Amino acid sequence: MLPRLETLEPGRREAILNAALKEFATKGYDEASTNVIAKASGISKALMFHYVQSKKDLFLFLYDYCTDRMNREYLPFMNFREPDLLERLRQSYFLQLELLHKHPWIFEFIDRSAHTKSDEIRRELELRTAGKPLICEETMFGHVDESKFKDGLDVKRCKQLVYWANIGFTNQILEEIRNSEIPNLDYDHIRTELDGYLNELRKAFYKEEWT
């Protein structure tokens, strides 16, 4: 945490973090506006820079903050060796929901963080990611028990269809979260909906004994 941000009361601090995450996630580092971040946070630009010093420092702090939360609250609890593809996705969804509850733009920020024209920012990110494994499509969809799929199906294409469905589920969840008041969002309903969709995928692609 940037030292001066630590002096802020939690509500104001989270407002700044979430406003910055949204701005950087939707516009990228180069086009992001500190004026927009300050306004969305409910403070003046001058006061914001009292706490965060510069746009670069804020961006790099957010990157470190988000990756730290992923390393503490997602990766240790995600079993990438789970052989059931749909169960692996279920684990991932539920863990992501916990992160999205507090920071709705965290995953888009991480995904877009490397896409910048700034050589300085790219060098800083390269130092942070050097030697660290990345979560990608192969991590989530590779090395699964393909014997669960119905006979006669093209498993490779079925996995691609599940991948596309996964993107659709994720976008729908994010849209619901961002269009709602976060404290009042019914996460039990979202989990129930996710289980419903995953069960339909089971019935569509898995043998009867696995549905």
N, C-alpha and C. Protein backbone atom coordinates (compact mmCIF):
# COMPACT_ATOMS: atom_id res chain seq x y z
N MET A 1 0.85 -1.20 0.00
CA MET A 1 0.00 0.00 0.00
C MET A 1 0.88 1.24 0.00
N LEU A 2 0.55 2.23 -0.85
CA LEU A 2 1.26 3.49 -0.81
C LEU A 2 1.09 4.08 0.58
N PRO A 3 2.17 4.53 1.22
CA PRO A 3 2.09 4.95 2.63
C PRO A 3 0.98 5.93 2.94
N ARG A 4 0.78 6.94 2.10
CA ARG A 4 -0.24 7.94 2.41
C ARG A 4 -1.65 7.40 2.23
N LEU A 5 -1.82 6.43 1.32
CA LEU A 5 -3.14 5.82 1.17
C LEU A 5 -3.55 5.08 2.44
N GLU A 6 -2.58 4.59 3.17
CA GLU A 6 -2.87 3.84 4.39
C GLU A 6 -3.52 4.72 5.45
N THR A 7 -3.33 6.04 5.34
CA THR A 7 -3.90 6.94 6.35
C THR A 7 -5.37 7.23 6.08
N LEU A 8 -5.86 6.88 4.89
CA LEU A 8 -7.26 7.14 4.55
C LEU A 8 -8.18 6.13 5.21
N GLU A 9 -9.40 6.57 5.52
CA GLU A 9 -10.37 5.62 6.05
C GLU A 9 -10.73 4.65 4.92
N PRO A 10 -11.05 3.38 5.26
CA PRO A 10 -11.19 2.33 4.25
C PRO A 10 -12.16 2.66 3.11
N GLY A 11 -13.29 3.30 3.43
CA GLY A 11 -14.26 3.60 2.39
C GLY A 11 -13.71 4.52 1.32
N ARG A 12 -13.01 5.58 1.73
CA ARG A 12 -12.41 6.52 0.78
C ARG A 12 -11.29 5.84 0.00
N ARG A 13 -10.49 5.02 0.68
CA ARG A 13 -9.39 4.33 0.01
C ARG A 13 -9.93 3.39 -1.08
N GLU A 14 -10.98 2.62 -0.76
CA GLU A 14 -11.56 1.70 -1.74
C GLU A 14 -12.17 2.46 -2.91
N ALA A 15 -12.73 3.64 -2.63
CA ALA A 15 -13.30 4.46 -3.71
C ALA A 15 -12.22 4.86 -4.71
N ILE A 16 -11.06 5.26 -4.22
CA ILE A 16 -9.95 5.63 -5.10
C ILE A 16 -9.46 4.42 -5.88
N LEU A 17 -9.28 3.29 -5.21
CA LEU A 17 -8.77 2.09 -5.87
C LEU A 17 -9.73 1.63 -6.97
N ASN A 18 -11.02 1.58 -6.66
CA ASN A 18 -11.98 1.09 -7.65
C ASN A 18 -12.15 2.06 -8.81
N ALA A 19 -12.11 3.35 -8.53
CA ALA A 19 -12.19 4.33 -9.61
C ALA A 19 -10.99 4.21 -10.54
N ALA A 20 -9.81 4.02 -9.95
CA ALA A 20 -8.59 3.87 -10.76
C ALA A 20 -8.60 2.56 -11.54
N LEU A 21 -9.04 1.48 -10.90
CA LEU A 21 -9.12 0.20 -11.60
C LEU A 21 -10.03 0.29 -12.82
N LYS A 22 -11.18 0.92 -12.65
CA LYS A 22 -12.12 1.06 -13.77
C LYS A 22 -11.52 1.89 -14.89
N GLU A 23 -10.91 3.01 -14.55
CA GLU A 23 -10.36 3.90 -15.57
C GLU A 23 -9.23 3.22 -16.34
N PHE A 24 -8.31 2.58 -15.63
CA PHE A 24 -7.20 1.90 -16.30
C PHE A 24 -7.69 0.67 -17.08
N ALA A 25 -8.68 -0.03 -16.55
CA ALA A 25 -9.18 -1.23 -17.21
C ALA A 25 -9.92 -0.91 -18.50
N THR A 26 -10.65 0.19 -18.53
CA THR A 26 -11.45 0.53 -19.71
C THR A 26 -10.67 1.33 -20.74
N LYS A 27 -9.65 2.09 -20.30
CA LYS A 27 -8.93 2.96 -21.24
C LYS A 27 -7.46 2.61 -21.40
N GLY A 28 -6.94 1.77 -20.54
CA GLY A 28 -5.51 1.48 -20.58
C GLY A 28 -4.71 2.58 -19.91
N TYR A 29 -3.45 2.30 -19.66
CA TYR A 29 -2.61 3.27 -18.94
C TYR A 29 -2.49 4.58 -19.70
N ASP A 30 -2.24 4.50 -21.00
CA ASP A 30 -1.92 5.70 -21.77
C ASP A 30 -3.07 6.69 -21.83
N GLU A 31 -4.29 6.19 -21.99
CA GLU A 31 -5.44 7.06 -22.18
C GLU A 31 -6.19 7.36 -20.87
N ALA A 32 -5.84 6.68 -19.80
CA ALA A 32 -6.53 6.89 -18.52
C ALA A 32 -6.33 8.31 -18.03
N SER A 33 -7.38 8.87 -17.43
CA SER A 33 -7.35 10.26 -16.96
C SER A 33 -7.37 10.31 -15.44
N THR A 34 -6.39 10.98 -14.86
CA THR A 34 -6.38 11.15 -13.41
C THR A 34 -7.51 12.09 -12.98
N ASN A 35 -7.94 12.97 -13.87
CA ASN A 35 -9.09 13.83 -13.56
C ASN A 35 -10.34 12.98 -13.35
N VAL A 36 -10.54 12.01 -14.23
CA VAL A 36 -11.70 11.12 -14.12
C VAL A 36 -11.62 10.30 -12.83
N ILE A 37 -10.43 9.79 -12.52
CA ILE A 37 -10.25 8.98 -11.31
C ILE A 37 -10.58 9.81 -10.07
N ALA A 38 -10.06 11.03 -10.03
CA ALA A 38 -10.30 11.88 -8.87
C ALA A 38 -11.78 12.20 -8.73
N LYS A 39 -12.43 12.57 -9.84
CA LYS A 39 -13.85 12.91 -9.80
C LYS A 39 -14.68 11.72 -9.35
N ALA A 40 -14.38 10.53 -9.89
CA ALA A 40 -15.14 9.33 -9.52
C ALA A 40 -14.89 8.95 -8.07
N SER A 41 -13.74 9.33 -7.54
CA SER A 41 -13.42 9.03 -6.15
C SER A 41 -14.06 10.02 -5.19
N GLY A 42 -14.53 11.15 -5.73
CA GLY A 42 -15.15 12.16 -4.88
C GLY A 42 -14.16 13.08 -4.19
N ILE A 43 -12.95 13.20 -4.79
CA ILE A 43 -11.95 14.09 -4.21
C ILE A 43 -11.35 14.95 -5.33
N SER A 44 -10.61 15.98 -4.94
CA SER A 44 -9.95 16.82 -5.94
C SER A 44 -8.70 16.11 -6.46
N LYS A 45 -8.28 16.51 -7.66
CA LYS A 45 -7.08 15.92 -8.24
C LYS A 45 -5.87 16.22 -7.37
N ALA A 46 -5.80 17.42 -6.83
CA ALA A 46 -4.67 17.79 -5.98
C ALA A 46 -4.61 16.91 -4.74
N LEU A 47 -5.78 16.65 -4.14
CA LEU A 47 -5.80 15.80 -2.95
C LEU A 47 -5.44 14.36 -3.30
N MET A 48 -5.91 13.89 -4.45
CA MET A 48 -5.57 12.53 -4.85
C MET A 48 -4.07 12.37 -4.99
N PHE A 49 -3.41 13.36 -5.62
CA PHE A 49 -1.96 13.25 -5.81
C PHE A 49 -1.20 13.44 -4.50
N HIS A 50 -1.86 13.98 -3.49
CA HIS A 50 -1.25 14.00 -2.17
C HIS A 50 -1.07 12.57 -1.66
N TYR A 51 -2.00 11.69 -2.05
CA TYR A 51 -1.97 10.32 -1.58
C TYR A 51 -1.22 9.37 -2.50
N VAL A 52 -1.25 9.62 -3.82
CA VAL A 52 -0.69 8.63 -4.75
C VAL A 52 0.52 9.13 -5.53
N GLN A 53 0.85 10.39 -5.47
CA GLN A 53 2.06 10.98 -6.04
C GLN A 53 2.02 11.15 -7.56
N SER A 54 1.74 10.09 -8.32
CA SER A 54 1.74 10.22 -9.78
C SER A 54 0.87 9.13 -10.40
N LYS A 55 0.53 9.33 -11.66
CA LYS A 55 -0.26 8.33 -12.40
C LYS A 55 0.52 7.02 -12.49
N LYS A 56 1.80 7.09 -12.76
CA LYS A 56 2.63 5.90 -12.84
C LYS A 56 2.63 5.14 -11.52
N ASP A 57 2.84 5.84 -10.43
CA ASP A 57 2.88 5.18 -9.13
C ASP A 57 1.54 4.52 -8.80
N LEU A 58 0.45 5.20 -9.16
CA LEU A 58 -0.88 4.64 -8.90
C LEU A 58 -1.08 3.38 -9.72
N PHE A 59 -0.71 3.42 -10.99
CA PHE A 59 -0.89 2.26 -11.86
C PHE A 59 -0.07 1.07 -11.36
N LEU A 60 1.19 1.29 -11.05
CA LEU A 60 2.05 0.19 -10.60
C LEU A 60 1.61 -0.33 -9.23
N PHE A 61 1.14 0.58 -8.38
CA PHE A 61 0.60 0.12 -7.10
C PHE A 61 -0.60 -0.79 -7.32
N LEU A 62 -1.50 -0.39 -8.23
CA LEU A 62 -2.68 -1.20 -8.51
C LEU A 62 -2.29 -2.56 -9.08
N TYR A 63 -1.29 -2.59 -9.93
CA TYR A 63 -0.85 -3.87 -10.49
C TYR A 63 -0.35 -4.78 -9.38
N ASP A 64 0.49 -4.23 -8.50
CA ASP A 64 1.01 -5.03 -7.39
C ASP A 64 -0.12 -5.46 -6.45
N TYR A 65 -1.05 -4.55 -6.22
CA TYR A 65 -2.17 -4.84 -5.32
C TYR A 65 -3.03 -5.97 -5.88
N CYS A 66 -3.34 -5.89 -7.17
CA CYS A 66 -4.21 -6.89 -7.80
C CYS A 66 -3.52 -8.25 -7.89
N THR A 67 -2.28 -8.28 -8.29
CA THR A 67 -1.58 -9.55 -8.38
C THR A 67 -1.39 -10.16 -6.99
N ASP A 68 -1.20 -9.33 -5.98
CA ASP A 68 -1.09 -9.84 -4.62
C ASP A 68 -2.39 -10.50 -4.17
N ARG A 69 -3.51 -9.85 -4.48
CA ARG A 69 -4.80 -10.43 -4.12
C ARG A 69 -5.04 -11.74 -4.87
N MET A 70 -4.65 -11.79 -6.14
CA MET A 70 -4.78 -13.03 -6.91
C MET A 70 -3.92 -14.13 -6.28
N ASN A 71 -2.71 -13.77 -5.88
CA ASN A 71 -1.79 -14.75 -5.31
C ASN A 71 -2.24 -15.24 -3.94
N ARG A 72 -2.99 -14.42 -3.22
CA ARG A 72 -3.42 -14.80 -1.88
C ARG A 72 -4.83 -15.38 -1.84
N GLU A 73 -5.70 -14.91 -2.74
CA GLU A 73 -7.12 -15.25 -2.61
C GLU A 73 -7.68 -16.09 -3.76
N TYR A 74 -6.88 -16.30 -4.80
CA TYR A 74 -7.36 -17.10 -5.94
C TYR A 74 -6.46 -18.31 -6.19
N LEU A 75 -5.22 -18.07 -6.54
CA LEU A 75 -4.34 -19.16 -6.97
C LEU A 75 -4.15 -20.26 -5.92
N PRO A 76 -3.98 -19.94 -4.62
CA PRO A 76 -3.76 -21.02 -3.65
C PRO A 76 -4.97 -21.95 -3.49
N PHE A 77 -6.15 -21.46 -3.86
CA PHE A 77 -7.37 -22.24 -3.66
C PHE A 77 -7.90 -22.87 -4.94
N MET A 78 -7.23 -22.58 -6.05
CA MET A 78 -7.68 -23.10 -7.34
C MET A 78 -6.93 -24.39 -7.66
N ASN A 79 -7.68 -25.47 -7.85
CA ASN A 79 -7.08 -26.77 -8.15
C ASN A 79 -7.05 -26.99 -9.66
N PHE A 80 -5.94 -26.63 -10.29
CA PHE A 80 -5.82 -26.78 -11.73
C PHE A 80 -5.60 -28.24 -12.14
N ARG A 81 -5.47 -29.13 -11.16
CA ARG A 81 -5.34 -30.56 -11.46
C ARG A 81 -6.69 -31.27 -11.41
N GLU A 82 -7.75 -30.55 -11.06
CA GLU A 82 -9.08 -31.13 -11.09
C GLU A 82 -9.36 -31.66 -12.49
N PRO A 83 -9.64 -32.98 -12.64
CA PRO A 83 -9.80 -33.55 -13.99
C PRO A 83 -11.12 -33.19 -14.67
N ASP A 84 -12.12 -32.82 -13.89
CA ASP A 84 -13.42 -32.46 -14.47
C ASP A 84 -13.39 -31.00 -14.90
N LEU A 85 -13.45 -30.77 -16.20
CA LEU A 85 -13.35 -29.41 -16.74
C LEU A 85 -14.41 -28.49 -16.14
N LEU A 86 -15.65 -28.94 -16.07
CA LEU A 86 -16.72 -28.08 -15.60
C LEU A 86 -16.61 -27.81 -14.10
N GLU A 87 -16.11 -28.78 -13.35
CA GLU A 87 -15.87 -28.54 -11.92
C GLU A 87 -14.72 -27.56 -11.73
N ARG A 88 -13.72 -27.63 -12.60
CA ARG A 88 -12.61 -26.68 -12.55
C ARG A 88 -13.12 -25.26 -12.81
N LEU A 89 -14.00 -25.13 -13.79
CA LEU A 89 -14.59 -23.82 -14.07
C LEU A 89 -15.42 -23.32 -12.89
N ARG A 90 -16.16 -24.23 -12.27
CA ARG A 90 -16.99 -23.85 -11.12
C ARG A 90 -16.13 -23.30 -10.00
N GLN A 91 -15.03 -23.97 -9.70
CA GLN A 91 -14.10 -23.47 -8.68
C GLN A 91 -13.64 -22.05 -9.02
N SER A 92 -13.24 -21.89 -10.28
CA SER A 92 -12.72 -20.60 -10.70
C SER A 92 -13.75 -19.49 -10.57
N TYR A 93 -14.99 -19.77 -11.01
CA TYR A 93 -16.06 -18.77 -10.91
C TYR A 93 -16.27 -18.32 -9.47
N PHE A 94 -16.38 -19.27 -8.56
CA PHE A 94 -16.72 -18.94 -7.19
C PHE A 94 -15.59 -18.17 -6.51
N LEU A 95 -14.34 -18.52 -6.82
CA LEU A 95 -13.22 -17.77 -6.27
C LEU A 95 -13.17 -16.35 -6.85
N GLN A 96 -13.45 -16.24 -8.15
CA GLN A 96 -13.46 -14.92 -8.78
C GLN A 96 -14.55 -14.03 -8.19
N LEU A 97 -15.68 -14.61 -7.86
CA LEU A 97 -16.77 -13.82 -7.29
C LEU A 97 -16.35 -13.13 -6.00
N GLU A 98 -15.54 -13.82 -5.21
CA GLU A 98 -15.07 -13.23 -3.96
C GLU A 98 -14.22 -11.99 -4.24
N LEU A 99 -13.39 -12.05 -5.27
CA LEU A 99 -12.57 -10.90 -5.63
C LEU A 99 -13.42 -9.79 -6.26
N LEU A 100 -14.35 -10.18 -7.13
CA LEU A 100 -15.18 -9.19 -7.81
C LEU A 100 -16.11 -8.47 -6.85
N HIS A 101 -16.46 -9.11 -5.76
CA HIS A 101 -17.34 -8.49 -4.77
C HIS A 101 -16.75 -7.17 -4.29
N LYS A 102 -15.42 -7.14 -4.12
CA LYS A 102 -14.77 -5.94 -3.61
C LYS A 102 -14.24 -5.05 -4.73
N HIS A 103 -13.75 -5.67 -5.81
CA HIS A 103 -13.13 -4.89 -6.90
C HIS A 103 -13.66 -5.40 -8.25
N PRO A 104 -14.76 -4.85 -8.75
CA PRO A 104 -15.40 -5.36 -9.97
C PRO A 104 -14.55 -5.28 -11.24
N TRP A 105 -13.49 -4.48 -11.24
CA TRP A 105 -12.69 -4.31 -12.46
C TRP A 105 -11.32 -4.98 -12.36
N ILE A 106 -11.11 -5.81 -11.36
CA ILE A 106 -9.77 -6.35 -11.11
C ILE A 106 -9.24 -7.19 -12.26
N PHE A 107 -10.08 -8.03 -12.86
CA PHE A 107 -9.59 -8.94 -13.89
C PHE A 107 -9.32 -8.22 -15.20
N GLU A 108 -10.18 -7.27 -15.57
CA GLU A 108 -9.91 -6.48 -16.78
C GLU A 108 -8.65 -5.65 -16.62
N PHE A 109 -8.44 -5.13 -15.42
CA PHE A 109 -7.22 -4.34 -15.19
C PHE A 109 -5.98 -5.21 -15.41
N ILE A 110 -5.98 -6.41 -14.83
CA ILE A 110 -4.84 -7.31 -14.99
C ILE A 110 -4.64 -7.67 -16.46
N ASP A 111 -5.74 -7.99 -17.16
CA ASP A 111 -5.65 -8.39 -18.56
C ASP A 111 -5.10 -7.28 -19.44
N ARG A 112 -5.49 -6.05 -19.14
CA ARG A 112 -5.12 -4.94 -20.02
C ARG A 112 -3.83 -4.24 -19.60
N SER A 113 -3.30 -4.60 -18.45
CA SER A 113 -2.18 -3.86 -17.89
C SER A 113 -0.95 -3.84 -18.80
N ALA A 114 -0.73 -4.91 -19.55
CA ALA A 114 0.47 -4.97 -20.38
C ALA A 114 0.34 -4.21 -21.70
N HIS A 115 -0.88 -3.82 -22.05
CA HIS A 115 -1.10 -3.15 -23.34
C HIS A 115 -0.93 -1.64 -23.17
N THR A 116 0.30 -1.19 -23.24
CA THR A 116 0.59 0.22 -23.08
C THR A 116 1.70 0.63 -24.03
N LYS A 117 1.69 1.87 -24.44
CA LYS A 117 2.74 2.40 -25.30
C LYS A 117 3.96 2.85 -24.49
N SER A 118 3.80 2.93 -23.19
CA SER A 118 4.87 3.43 -22.33
C SER A 118 5.95 2.38 -22.14
N ASP A 119 7.14 2.66 -22.66
CA ASP A 119 8.27 1.74 -22.48
C ASP A 119 8.61 1.59 -21.00
N GLU A 120 8.48 2.67 -20.26
CA GLU A 120 8.81 2.63 -18.84
C GLU A 120 7.88 1.69 -18.09
N ILE A 121 6.59 1.77 -18.38
CA ILE A 121 5.62 0.89 -17.72
C ILE A 121 5.84 -0.55 -18.14
N ARG A 122 6.10 -0.79 -19.42
CA ARG A 122 6.34 -2.15 -19.89
C ARG A 122 7.56 -2.76 -19.19
N ARG A 123 8.62 -1.98 -19.04
CA ARG A 123 9.82 -2.49 -18.36
C ARG A 123 9.50 -2.84 -16.91
N GLU A 124 8.72 -1.99 -16.26
CA GLU A 124 8.36 -2.25 -14.86
C GLU A 124 7.54 -3.54 -14.75
N LEU A 125 6.61 -3.74 -15.67
CA LEU A 125 5.77 -4.94 -15.63
C LEU A 125 6.57 -6.19 -15.97
N GLU A 126 7.52 -6.07 -16.89
CA GLU A 126 8.37 -7.21 -17.23
C GLU A 126 9.18 -7.66 -16.03
N LEU A 127 9.65 -6.73 -15.25
CA LEU A 127 10.39 -7.08 -14.04
C LEU A 127 9.49 -7.82 -13.05
N ARG A 128 8.22 -7.43 -13.01
CA ARG A 128 7.30 -8.05 -12.05
C ARG A 128 6.83 -9.43 -12.50
N THR A 129 6.80 -9.68 -13.81
CA THR A 129 6.26 -10.95 -14.32
C THR A 129 7.34 -11.95 -14.72
N ALA A 130 8.59 -11.54 -14.70
CA ALA A 130 9.68 -12.42 -15.15
C ALA A 130 9.67 -13.73 -14.37
N GLY A 131 9.59 -14.83 -15.10
CA GLY A 131 9.67 -16.15 -14.47
C GLY A 131 8.41 -16.63 -13.80
N LYS A 132 7.35 -15.85 -13.86
CA LYS A 132 6.11 -16.25 -13.20
C LYS A 132 5.15 -16.87 -14.21
N PRO A 133 4.53 -18.01 -13.87
CA PRO A 133 3.59 -18.66 -14.80
C PRO A 133 2.33 -17.83 -14.98
N LEU A 134 1.75 -17.88 -16.18
CA LEU A 134 0.54 -17.13 -16.48
C LEU A 134 -0.66 -18.07 -16.56
N ILE A 135 -1.81 -17.57 -16.09
CA ILE A 135 -3.05 -18.33 -16.25
C ILE A 135 -3.58 -18.04 -17.64
N CYS A 136 -3.82 -19.08 -18.42
CA CYS A 136 -4.27 -18.89 -19.79
C CYS A 136 -5.30 -19.97 -20.12
N GLU A 137 -5.75 -19.98 -21.36
CA GLU A 137 -6.73 -20.97 -21.79
C GLU A 137 -6.22 -22.39 -21.56
N GLU A 138 -4.95 -22.63 -21.85
CA GLU A 138 -4.39 -23.97 -21.67
C GLU A 138 -4.37 -24.36 -20.19
N THR A 139 -4.09 -23.40 -19.30
CA THR A 139 -4.08 -23.69 -17.87
C THR A 139 -5.44 -24.18 -17.42
N MET A 140 -6.50 -23.53 -17.89
CA MET A 140 -7.85 -23.84 -17.44
C MET A 140 -8.45 -25.03 -18.19
N PHE A 141 -8.15 -25.19 -19.47
CA PHE A 141 -8.83 -26.17 -20.30
C PHE A 141 -7.96 -27.37 -20.68
N GLY A 142 -6.69 -27.31 -20.35
CA GLY A 142 -5.81 -28.41 -20.69
C GLY A 142 -5.78 -29.49 -19.62
N HIS A 143 -5.40 -30.71 -20.03
CA HIS A 143 -5.20 -31.84 -19.11
C HIS A 143 -6.44 -32.14 -18.28
N VAL A 144 -7.57 -32.34 -18.97
CA VAL A 144 -8.81 -32.71 -18.29
C VAL A 144 -9.19 -34.14 -18.69
N ASP A 145 -10.11 -34.73 -17.94
CA ASP A 145 -10.57 -36.09 -18.21
C ASP A 145 -11.56 -36.06 -19.38
N GLU A 146 -11.05 -36.36 -20.56
CA GLU A 146 -11.89 -36.30 -21.75
C GLU A 146 -12.82 -37.49 -21.87
N SER A 147 -12.62 -38.53 -21.04
CA SER A 147 -13.49 -39.71 -21.10
C SER A 147 -14.90 -39.40 -20.61
N LYS A 148 -15.09 -38.25 -19.93
CA LYS A 148 -16.41 -37.87 -19.44
C LYS A 148 -17.32 -37.37 -20.57
N PHE A 149 -16.71 -36.97 -21.68
CA PHE A 149 -17.50 -36.47 -22.80
C PHE A 149 -18.20 -37.62 -23.50
N LYS A 150 -19.38 -37.35 -24.04
CA LYS A 150 -20.16 -38.36 -24.73
C LYS A 150 -19.39 -38.94 -25.91
N ASP A 151 -19.59 -40.22 -26.14
CA ASP A 151 -18.95 -40.88 -27.29
C ASP A 151 -19.44 -40.23 -28.59
N GLY A 152 -18.52 -40.11 -29.52
CA GLY A 152 -18.86 -39.57 -30.83
C GLY A 152 -18.71 -38.07 -30.96
N LEU A 153 -18.50 -37.37 -29.82
CA LEU A 153 -18.33 -35.93 -29.87
C LEU A 153 -16.88 -35.58 -30.22
N ASP A 154 -16.71 -34.46 -30.90
CA ASP A 154 -15.38 -33.92 -31.14
C ASP A 154 -14.99 -33.13 -29.88
N VAL A 155 -14.18 -33.76 -29.03
CA VAL A 155 -13.88 -33.17 -27.71
C VAL A 155 -13.19 -31.82 -27.84
N LYS A 156 -12.31 -31.69 -28.81
CA LYS A 156 -11.61 -30.42 -28.99
C LYS A 156 -12.61 -29.29 -29.27
N ARG A 157 -13.58 -29.57 -30.14
CA ARG A 157 -14.58 -28.54 -30.46
C ARG A 157 -15.53 -28.32 -29.28
N CYS A 158 -15.83 -29.39 -28.55
CA CYS A 158 -16.68 -29.23 -27.36
C CYS A 158 -16.00 -28.32 -26.34
N LYS A 159 -14.71 -28.51 -26.14
CA LYS A 159 -13.97 -27.67 -25.19
C LYS A 159 -13.96 -26.22 -25.67
N GLN A 160 -13.89 -26.03 -26.99
CA GLN A 160 -13.95 -24.66 -27.52
C GLN A 160 -15.31 -24.04 -27.25
N LEU A 161 -16.38 -24.82 -27.42
CA LEU A 161 -17.73 -24.32 -27.12
C LEU A 161 -17.87 -23.97 -25.64
N VAL A 162 -17.32 -24.81 -24.77
CA VAL A 162 -17.35 -24.52 -23.33
C VAL A 162 -16.56 -23.25 -23.04
N TYR A 163 -15.44 -23.08 -23.73
CA TYR A 163 -14.62 -21.86 -23.56
C TYR A 163 -15.42 -20.63 -23.94
N TRP A 164 -16.12 -20.68 -25.08
CA TRP A 164 -16.94 -19.54 -25.49
C TRP A 164 -18.07 -19.29 -24.49
N ALA A 165 -18.68 -20.38 -24.00
CA ALA A 165 -19.73 -20.23 -22.99
C ALA A 165 -19.16 -19.61 -21.73
N ASN A 166 -17.94 -19.98 -21.38
CA ASN A 166 -17.27 -19.42 -20.21
C ASN A 166 -17.12 -17.91 -20.33
N ILE A 167 -16.73 -17.45 -21.51
CA ILE A 167 -16.59 -16.01 -21.75
C ILE A 167 -17.94 -15.32 -21.60
N GLY A 168 -18.99 -15.96 -22.15
CA GLY A 168 -20.33 -15.39 -22.05
C GLY A 168 -20.81 -15.32 -20.62
N PHE A 169 -20.60 -16.38 -19.83
CA PHE A 169 -20.99 -16.36 -18.42
C PHE A 169 -20.29 -15.23 -17.69
N THR A 170 -18.97 -15.14 -17.92
CA THR A 170 -18.17 -14.14 -17.22
C THR A 170 -18.64 -12.74 -17.54
N ASN A 171 -18.89 -12.46 -18.81
CA ASN A 171 -19.36 -11.12 -19.20
C ASN A 171 -20.71 -10.81 -18.59
N GLN A 172 -21.59 -11.81 -18.53
CA GLN A 172 -22.91 -11.60 -17.94
C GLN A 172 -22.80 -11.29 -16.45
N ILE A 173 -21.94 -12.02 -15.76
CA ILE A 173 -21.74 -11.80 -14.33
C ILE A 173 -21.19 -10.40 -14.09
N LEU A 174 -20.18 -10.03 -14.87
CA LEU A 174 -19.57 -8.71 -14.69
C LEU A 174 -20.58 -7.60 -14.95
N GLU A 175 -21.41 -7.78 -15.98
CA GLU A 175 -22.43 -6.77 -16.29
C GLU A 175 -23.40 -6.64 -15.13
N GLU A 176 -23.80 -7.76 -14.56
CA GLU A 176 -24.74 -7.72 -13.44
C GLU A 176 -24.13 -7.04 -12.22
N ILE A 177 -22.86 -7.35 -11.97
CA ILE A 177 -22.17 -6.75 -10.83
C ILE A 177 -22.03 -5.25 -11.00
N ARG A 178 -21.64 -4.82 -12.20
CA ARG A 178 -21.38 -3.39 -12.41
C ARG A 178 -22.64 -2.56 -12.50
N ASN A 179 -23.76 -3.20 -12.83
CA ASN A 179 -25.02 -2.46 -12.92
C ASN A 179 -25.82 -2.50 -11.62
N SER A 180 -25.22 -3.06 -10.58
CA SER A 180 -25.92 -3.19 -9.31
C SER A 180 -25.15 -2.47 -8.22
N GLU A 181 -25.83 -2.22 -7.14
CA GLU A 181 -25.17 -1.74 -5.94
C GLU A 181 -24.47 -2.93 -5.31
N ILE A 182 -23.15 -2.89 -5.25
CA ILE A 182 -22.38 -4.05 -4.83
C ILE A 182 -22.83 -4.62 -3.48
N PRO A 183 -23.05 -3.82 -2.45
CA PRO A 183 -23.45 -4.42 -1.17
C PRO A 183 -24.78 -5.16 -1.24
N ASN A 184 -25.64 -4.79 -2.20
CA ASN A 184 -26.97 -5.39 -2.28
C ASN A 184 -27.06 -6.51 -3.31
N LEU A 185 -25.95 -6.81 -3.95
CA LEU A 185 -25.97 -7.84 -4.99
C LEU A 185 -26.18 -9.21 -4.37
N ASP A 186 -27.07 -10.00 -4.96
CA ASP A 186 -27.41 -11.32 -4.45
C ASP A 186 -26.42 -12.35 -5.01
N TYR A 187 -25.34 -12.58 -4.29
CA TYR A 187 -24.31 -13.50 -4.76
C TYR A 187 -24.78 -14.95 -4.71
N ASP A 188 -25.68 -15.28 -3.78
CA ASP A 188 -26.23 -16.64 -3.76
C ASP A 188 -27.01 -16.91 -5.05
N HIS A 189 -27.73 -15.89 -5.54
CA HIS A 189 -28.46 -16.04 -6.80
C HIS A 189 -27.49 -16.24 -7.96
N ILE A 190 -26.40 -15.49 -7.98
CA ILE A 190 -25.41 -15.63 -9.05
C ILE A 190 -24.81 -17.03 -9.04
N ARG A 191 -24.49 -17.54 -7.85
CA ARG A 191 -23.93 -18.89 -7.74
C ARG A 191 -24.94 -19.94 -8.24
N THR A 192 -26.20 -19.74 -7.87
CA THR A 192 -27.23 -20.68 -8.32
C THR A 192 -27.36 -20.65 -9.84
N GLU A 193 -27.32 -19.45 -10.42
CA GLU A 193 -27.40 -19.33 -11.88
C GLU A 193 -26.20 -20.01 -12.56
N LEU A 194 -25.02 -19.81 -12.00
CA LEU A 194 -23.83 -20.44 -12.56
C LEU A 194 -23.95 -21.95 -12.53
N ASP A 195 -24.40 -22.48 -11.40
CA ASP A 195 -24.57 -23.93 -11.31
C ASP A 195 -25.59 -24.42 -12.33
N GLY A 196 -26.63 -23.63 -12.55
CA GLY A 196 -27.63 -24.01 -13.55
C GLY A 196 -27.05 -24.09 -14.94
N TYR A 197 -26.25 -23.11 -15.32
CA TYR A 197 -25.63 -23.13 -16.64
C TYR A 197 -24.63 -24.28 -16.77
N LEU A 198 -23.84 -24.49 -15.75
CA LEU A 198 -22.86 -25.57 -15.79
C LEU A 198 -23.55 -26.94 -15.87
N ASN A 199 -24.66 -27.09 -15.19
CA ASN A 199 -25.41 -28.35 -15.26
C ASN A 199 -25.95 -28.59 -16.67
N GLU A 200 -26.37 -27.51 -17.35
CA GLU A 200 -26.84 -27.67 -18.73
C GLU A 200 -25.68 -28.09 -19.65
N LEU A 201 -24.49 -27.57 -19.39
CA LEU A 201 -23.33 -27.98 -20.18
C LEU A 201 -23.00 -29.45 -19.90
N ARG A 202 -23.15 -29.86 -18.66
CA ARG A 202 -22.93 -31.28 -18.34
C ARG A 202 -23.87 -32.17 -19.15
N LYS A 203 -25.15 -31.80 -19.16
CA LYS A 203 -26.13 -32.61 -19.88
C LYS A 203 -25.86 -32.62 -21.39
N ALA A 204 -25.33 -31.52 -21.89
CA ALA A 204 -25.09 -31.42 -23.33
C ALA A 204 -23.87 -32.21 -23.77
N PHE A 205 -22.80 -32.23 -22.93
CA PHE A 205 -21.52 -32.78 -23.39
C PHE A 205 -21.08 -34.04 -22.65
N TYR A 206 -21.55 -34.25 -21.42
CA TYR A 206 -21.05 -35.38 -20.64
C TYR A 206 -21.94 -36.62 -20.77
N LYS A 207 -21.31 -37.77 -20.57
CA LYS A 207 -22.05 -39.02 -20.51
C LYS A 207 -23.03 -38.97 -19.33
N GLU A 208 -24.08 -39.77 -19.41
CA GLU A 208 -25.16 -39.71 -18.42
C GLU A 208 -24.65 -39.93 -17.00
N GLU A 209 -23.67 -40.81 -16.81
CA GLU A 209 -23.20 -41.11 -15.46
C GLU A 209 -22.47 -39.95 -14.79
N TRP A 210 -22.13 -38.92 -15.59
CA TRP A 210 -21.43 -37.75 -15.03
C TRP A 210 -22.32 -36.53 -14.94
N THR A 211 -23.62 -36.69 -15.22
CA THR A 211 -24.54 -35.55 -15.15
C THR A 211 -25.36 -35.58 -13.87
